[in-house]
Amino acid sequence: LSELLQLAHDAIIIAGQQQTPPIEPGTTAVLCLIQDGRACWAHVGDSRFYLYRKGVPLYRSTDHSYVEKLYQTGQIGMHERNDHPMRNVVTNCLGIVKHPPKPALSQVIQVQVGDIMLLCTDGFWEPLDDSQVGTLLQDGRLDDAINKLAERAEQISYPNSDNISVVAIQVLNLQLTGRPKPQVVETAVKHSDNSIDTAIGEINRALDEYGHEMKK
């Protein structure tokens, strides 16, 4: 996961340098790997990972943000954190500066049937209550729940709604989390000198193979 984030960081830096005039774009990111009945995740910035079990947010990533740092050190309370004017200022991101990002890496945990893993940007999580999100995810179809929550987040934040990006997956069968069988890879891809293109190719092949198991 760290290597993928590094590849993304490098690609963003290069893309910015290729603009006329050059720019310094940046973004947040969150990744999750589910394999062999276990899950781990990594993030940079304030895009979040949640693991919901029976509607309860059992795990949640800790934001790389100025306000979160104030809250974690006891300088502000929960109410001040939610309403702080600098709540969108991140302290870690992909891009902008050339030095490598410092992702936060989780422990490896055992997942259970029914677990829901949610990855989202701050435009999604900020207007919503974590427990209310869990209740809606648990009570209906995952894709319907995600669409309703995204619409609710936009309505609450209007007219200042931020980018809303979210993906969720529910574990329906632990056997489906096993390691994929080795596959024959095109020679041109196997021997590619461009590590970014290779990584993107691997991600696209995984999406093609397992896309039917994912929920929107």
Protein backbone atom coordinates (compact mmCIF):
# COMPACT_ATOMS: atom_id res chain seq x y z
CA LEU A 1 0.00 0.00 0.00
CA SER A 2 2.86 2.36 0.78
CA GLU A 3 4.40 1.66 -2.62
CA LEU A 4 1.13 2.36 -4.42
CA LEU A 5 0.79 5.67 -2.60
CA GLN A 6 4.35 6.54 -3.53
CA LEU A 7 3.63 5.73 -7.19
CA ALA A 8 0.54 7.94 -7.08
CA HIS A 9 2.54 10.75 -5.45
CA ASP A 10 5.24 10.57 -8.15
CA ALA A 11 2.61 10.53 -10.92
CA ILE A 12 0.95 13.66 -9.50
CA ILE A 13 4.28 15.49 -9.28
CA ILE A 14 5.11 14.57 -12.90
CA ALA A 15 1.66 15.57 -14.13
CA GLY A 16 2.01 18.97 -12.48
CA GLN A 17 5.45 19.55 -14.00
CA GLN A 18 4.10 18.77 -17.47
CA GLN A 19 1.53 21.58 -17.33
CA THR A 20 2.13 24.98 -18.91
CA PRO A 21 2.91 26.74 -16.69
CA PRO A 22 3.92 24.02 -14.19
CA ILE A 23 1.59 23.58 -11.21
CA GLU A 24 1.81 21.78 -7.84
CA PRO A 25 -1.36 19.67 -7.50
CA GLY A 26 -2.10 17.65 -4.39
CA THR A 27 -4.72 15.27 -3.07
CA THR A 28 -5.61 12.89 -0.27
CA ALA A 29 -5.89 9.12 -0.62
CA VAL A 30 -7.08 6.01 1.19
CA LEU A 31 -6.48 2.36 0.22
CA CYS A 32 -7.66 -0.97 1.59
CA LEU A 33 -6.48 -4.52 0.90
CA ILE A 34 -8.72 -7.49 1.73
CA GLN A 35 -7.09 -10.89 1.39
CA ASP A 36 -7.10 -14.27 3.14
CA GLY A 37 -9.92 -13.17 5.45
CA ARG A 38 -7.93 -10.18 6.66
CA ALA A 39 -7.89 -6.47 5.90
CA CYS A 40 -5.42 -3.63 6.21
CA TRP A 41 -5.54 -0.05 5.03
CA ALA A 42 -3.45 3.06 4.54
CA HIS A 43 -4.25 6.73 4.10
CA VAL A 44 -2.71 10.12 3.49
CA GLY A 45 -4.64 13.27 4.42
CA ASP A 46 -8.28 13.35 5.52
CA SER A 47 -9.83 10.76 3.23
CA ARG A 48 -11.10 8.10 5.63
CA PHE A 49 -11.38 4.36 6.05
CA TYR A 50 -14.21 2.88 8.14
CA LEU A 51 -14.94 -0.71 9.07
CA TYR A 52 -18.55 -1.15 10.17
CA ARG A 53 -19.62 -4.30 12.00
CA LYS A 54 -23.35 -4.67 12.67
CA GLY A 55 -23.76 -0.94 12.10
CA VAL A 56 -21.01 0.08 14.54
CA PRO A 57 -17.87 1.91 13.28
CA LEU A 58 -15.37 -0.55 14.74
CA TYR A 59 -12.35 1.05 13.04
CA ARG A 60 -11.79 4.51 11.62
CA SER A 61 -8.63 6.10 10.28
CA THR A 62 -7.30 9.22 12.00
CA ASP A 63 -7.12 12.29 9.75
CA HIS A 64 -3.86 13.97 8.85
CA SER A 65 -5.25 17.44 9.50
CA TYR A 66 -4.48 20.51 11.57
CA VAL A 67 -7.76 20.29 13.50
CA GLU A 68 -7.40 16.55 14.20
CA LYS A 69 -3.96 17.23 15.66
CA LEU A 70 -5.44 19.89 17.95
CA TYR A 71 -8.16 17.46 19.02
CA GLN A 72 -5.77 14.54 19.62
CA THR A 73 -3.55 16.72 21.81
CA GLY A 74 -6.50 17.95 23.86
CA GLN A 75 -6.35 21.57 22.68
CA ILE A 76 -9.93 21.56 21.36
CA GLY A 77 -13.06 19.49 22.03
CA MET A 78 -15.39 17.54 19.75
CA HIS A 79 -17.70 20.48 19.09
CA GLU A 80 -14.79 22.79 18.30
CA ARG A 81 -13.31 20.17 15.99
CA ASN A 82 -16.50 19.90 13.94
CA ASP A 83 -16.90 23.67 13.55
CA HIS A 84 -13.27 24.80 13.37
CA PRO A 85 -12.57 27.18 10.44
CA MET A 86 -9.37 25.24 9.57
CA ARG A 87 -10.96 21.78 9.64
CA ASN A 88 -10.12 21.22 5.94
CA VAL A 89 -6.40 22.01 6.28
CA VAL A 90 -4.45 18.75 5.85
CA THR A 91 -0.96 18.13 7.22
CA ASN A 92 -0.05 15.29 4.84
CA CYS A 93 -0.95 14.67 1.20
CA LEU A 94 0.09 13.26 -2.16
CA GLY A 95 1.75 15.70 -4.51
CA ILE A 96 2.59 19.40 -3.91
CA VAL A 97 6.06 18.72 -2.47
CA LYS A 98 8.64 16.32 -3.86
CA HIS A 99 9.53 14.50 -0.65
CA PRO A 100 7.69 11.17 -0.16
CA PRO A 101 4.36 11.19 1.70
CA LYS A 102 4.15 9.53 5.10
CA PRO A 103 1.09 7.25 4.98
CA ALA A 104 -0.55 5.93 8.11
CA LEU A 105 -0.67 2.13 8.02
CA SER A 106 -3.15 0.05 9.96
CA GLN A 107 -2.70 -3.19 11.77
CA VAL A 108 -3.92 -6.32 9.98
CA ILE A 109 -7.35 -7.38 11.25
CA GLN A 110 -9.55 -10.42 10.76
CA VAL A 111 -12.77 -9.59 8.92
CA GLN A 112 -16.12 -11.24 9.50
CA VAL A 113 -19.06 -12.02 7.23
CA GLY A 114 -21.23 -8.90 7.14
CA ASP A 115 -18.40 -6.44 7.72
CA ILE A 116 -18.66 -3.30 5.59
CA MET A 117 -15.57 -1.34 4.62
CA LEU A 118 -16.11 2.26 3.55
CA LEU A 119 -13.54 4.57 1.91
CA CYS A 120 -14.49 8.20 1.38
CA THR A 121 -13.42 11.81 1.03
CA ASP A 122 -14.17 14.53 3.58
CA GLY A 123 -17.02 15.82 1.40
CA PHE A 124 -18.82 12.59 2.31
CA TRP A 125 -17.93 12.00 5.98
CA GLU A 126 -17.81 15.57 7.31
CA PRO A 127 -21.56 16.39 7.16
CA LEU A 128 -22.65 12.93 8.35
CA ASP A 129 -22.74 11.23 11.74
CA ASP A 130 -20.70 8.00 11.84
CA SER A 131 -23.36 6.01 13.68
CA GLN A 132 -26.15 7.15 11.36
CA VAL A 133 -24.03 6.07 8.40
CA GLY A 134 -23.63 2.61 9.94
CA THR A 135 -27.35 2.25 10.56
CA LEU A 136 -28.25 3.06 6.97
CA LEU A 137 -25.53 0.81 5.56
CA GLN A 138 -26.77 -2.08 7.69
CA ASP A 139 -30.46 -1.68 6.93
CA GLY A 140 -30.55 -1.78 3.16
CA ARG A 141 -28.82 -2.51 -0.12
CA LEU A 142 -25.30 -1.17 -0.01
CA ASP A 143 -25.46 0.70 -3.32
CA ASP A 144 -28.79 2.34 -2.43
CA ALA A 145 -27.48 3.33 1.00
CA ILE A 146 -24.33 4.88 -0.47
CA ASN A 147 -26.32 6.94 -2.96
CA LYS A 148 -28.70 8.17 -0.25
CA LEU A 149 -25.83 9.09 2.06
CA ALA A 150 -23.98 10.94 -0.70
CA GLU A 151 -27.12 12.92 -1.53
CA ARG A 152 -27.67 13.67 2.16
CA ALA A 153 -24.07 14.88 2.55
CA GLU A 154 -24.47 17.19 -0.44
CA GLN A 155 -27.77 18.60 0.83
CA ILE A 156 -26.45 19.26 4.32
CA SER A 157 -23.34 21.03 2.99
CA TYR A 158 -25.09 23.04 0.26
CA PRO A 159 -24.04 25.53 -1.05
CA ASN A 160 -20.52 24.73 0.23
CA SER A 161 -20.46 20.99 -0.47
CA ASP A 162 -17.02 19.53 -1.16
CA ASN A 163 -15.98 16.69 -3.47
CA ILE A 164 -17.97 13.57 -2.53
CA SER A 165 -16.21 10.32 -3.43
CA VAL A 166 -17.07 7.05 -1.73
CA VAL A 167 -16.75 3.31 -2.28
CA ALA A 168 -17.91 0.49 -0.02
CA ILE A 169 -17.71 -3.29 0.01
CA GLN A 170 -19.39 -5.86 2.22
CA VAL A 171 -17.93 -9.26 3.05
CA LEU A 172 -20.53 -11.84 2.01
CA ASN A 173 -18.29 -14.91 1.99
CA LEU A 174 -14.83 -15.25 3.53
CA GLN A 175 -13.81 -17.66 0.77
CA LEU A 176 -14.07 -14.78 -1.70
CA THR A 177 -11.28 -12.98 0.16
CA GLY A 178 -8.71 -15.68 -0.69
CA ARG A 179 -5.65 -14.96 -2.77
CA PRO A 180 -6.36 -14.80 -6.52
CA LYS A 181 -4.84 -17.53 -8.67
CA PRO A 182 -1.67 -16.55 -10.56
CA GLN A 183 -2.46 -15.24 -14.00
CA VAL A 184 -0.50 -15.03 -17.22
CA VAL A 185 0.48 -11.43 -17.81
CA GLU A 186 1.16 -9.93 -21.21
CA THR A 187 4.89 -9.89 -21.91
CA ALA A 188 4.77 -6.20 -22.76
CA VAL A 189 3.35 -5.48 -19.32
CA LYS A 190 5.64 -7.81 -17.41
CA HIS A 191 8.73 -6.15 -18.83
CA SER A 192 7.47 -2.59 -18.81
CA ASP A 193 10.02 -0.04 -17.64
CA ASN A 194 7.26 2.27 -16.42
CA SER A 195 6.35 1.21 -12.87
CA ILE A 196 3.35 3.56 -12.79
CA ASP A 197 1.84 2.03 -15.95
CA THR A 198 2.47 -1.44 -14.53
CA ALA A 199 0.71 -0.59 -11.26
CA ILE A 200 -2.26 0.88 -13.11
CA GLY A 201 -2.45 -2.22 -15.29
CA GLU A 202 -2.52 -4.49 -12.24
CA ILE A 203 -5.30 -2.41 -10.65
CA ASN A 204 -7.37 -2.51 -13.84
CA ARG A 205 -6.98 -6.30 -14.13
CA ALA A 206 -8.11 -6.72 -10.52
CA LEU A 207 -11.15 -4.52 -11.16
CA ASP A 208 -12.04 -6.54 -14.26
CA GLU A 209 -11.82 -9.83 -12.37
CA TYR A 210 -13.49 -8.85 -9.09
CA GLY A 211 -15.68 -5.95 -10.15
CA HIS A 212 -18.81 -8.07 -9.99
CA GLU A 213 -18.15 -8.68 -6.29
CA MET A 214 -17.95 -5.00 -5.45
CA LYS A 215 -20.75 -2.69 -4.47
CA LYS A 216 -20.97 0.86 -5.72
